[in-house]
Amino acid sequence: MRQRKAVHNTLIMQVPDLERLVTLAMPFGKYKGRLIADLPGHYLNWFAREGFPPGEIGRLLALMQEMDHNGLRSLLDPLRKRG
């Protein structure tokens, strides 16, 4: 049996990225039009299993999945209240 190597991606949370999570709508798919910050965990986990899309949207989806997985969604609350 082949052993799988663990791959660790480092996601760095920066304020502009966090602001994008609460302002950018999902541009495609089942949840098109919903804010990235409001996507359900099971959908984010699906991307984590199947692969995130390239570019900014993939990076933001990966960040949101990590936040959701680690119970950090509440960090976005102050940013939501700004607008």
Protein backbone atom coordinates (compact mmCIF):
# COMPACT_ATOMS: atom_id res chain seq x y z
CA MET A 1 0.00 0.00 0.00
CA ARG A 2 1.32 3.44 -0.93
CA GLN A 3 1.54 5.99 1.82
CA ARG A 4 0.19 9.42 1.17
CA LYS A 5 2.38 12.35 2.00
CA ALA A 6 0.77 15.03 4.11
CA VAL A 7 0.61 18.33 2.32
CA HIS A 8 0.16 21.42 4.44
CA ASN A 9 -0.95 24.62 2.79
CA THR A 10 -0.40 27.78 4.74
CA LEU A 11 -3.25 30.22 4.49
CA ILE A 12 -2.48 33.69 5.74
CA MET A 13 -5.44 35.73 6.87
CA GLN A 14 -5.15 39.36 5.85
CA VAL A 15 -7.78 42.02 6.48
CA PRO A 16 -8.44 42.67 2.75
CA ASP A 17 -9.10 38.94 2.24
CA LEU A 18 -11.43 38.82 5.24
CA GLU A 19 -13.29 41.85 3.90
CA ARG A 20 -13.67 40.12 0.53
CA LEU A 21 -15.28 37.11 2.25
CA VAL A 22 -18.13 39.32 3.49
CA THR A 23 -18.54 41.31 0.26
CA LEU A 24 -17.84 38.91 -2.62
CA ALA A 25 -20.67 36.75 -3.90
CA MET A 26 -20.08 33.23 -5.17
CA PRO A 27 -19.90 33.64 -8.97
CA PHE A 28 -21.08 30.14 -9.98
CA GLY A 29 -22.64 26.89 -8.85
CA LYS A 30 -25.46 25.93 -6.53
CA TYR A 31 -24.85 28.91 -4.24
CA LYS A 32 -24.26 31.51 -6.96
CA GLY A 33 -24.97 34.97 -5.56
CA ARG A 34 -24.44 34.02 -1.91
CA LEU A 35 -21.62 35.73 -0.02
CA ILE A 36 -18.53 33.55 0.36
CA ALA A 37 -18.81 34.04 4.14
CA ASP A 38 -22.34 32.60 4.05
CA LEU A 39 -21.56 29.41 2.13
CA PRO A 40 -22.43 26.25 4.09
CA GLY A 41 -19.63 24.18 5.54
CA HIS A 42 -20.53 21.06 3.57
CA TYR A 43 -20.11 22.98 0.31
CA LEU A 44 -16.73 24.38 1.40
CA ASN A 45 -15.67 20.88 2.47
CA TRP A 46 -16.66 19.53 -0.93
CA PHE A 47 -14.22 22.00 -2.55
CA ALA A 48 -11.54 20.95 -0.05
CA ARG A 49 -11.98 17.33 -1.16
CA GLU A 50 -12.41 17.91 -4.89
CA GLY A 51 -10.11 20.90 -5.36
CA PHE A 52 -10.56 24.64 -5.15
CA PRO A 53 -10.85 26.60 -8.39
CA PRO A 54 -7.82 28.61 -9.51
CA GLY A 55 -7.28 32.27 -8.73
CA GLU A 56 -8.74 34.58 -6.12
CA ILE A 57 -12.04 32.74 -5.76
CA GLY A 58 -10.27 29.47 -4.97
CA ARG A 59 -7.97 31.16 -2.47
CA LEU A 60 -10.94 32.79 -0.73
CA LEU A 61 -12.95 29.56 -0.70
CA ALA A 62 -9.96 27.78 0.86
CA LEU A 63 -9.64 30.50 3.48
CA MET A 64 -13.35 30.32 4.29
CA GLN A 65 -13.21 26.53 4.52
CA GLU A 66 -10.33 26.74 7.01
CA MET A 67 -12.18 29.33 9.05
CA ASP A 68 -15.35 27.23 9.07
CA HIS A 69 -13.48 24.03 9.90
CA ASN A 70 -11.75 25.71 12.84
CA GLY A 71 -14.86 27.45 14.18
CA LEU A 72 -13.65 30.94 13.30
CA ARG A 73 -16.63 32.29 11.35
CA SER A 74 -17.37 34.75 14.15
CA LEU A 75 -14.14 36.63 13.28
CA LEU A 76 -16.06 38.01 10.30
CA ASP A 77 -18.88 39.54 12.40
CA PRO A 78 -17.17 42.91 12.99
CA LEU A 79 -16.48 43.21 9.26
CA ARG A 80 -20.14 42.56 8.45
CA LYS A 81 -21.20 45.37 10.79
CA ARG A 82 -18.99 47.93 9.02
CA GLY A 83 -21.16 48.07 5.95
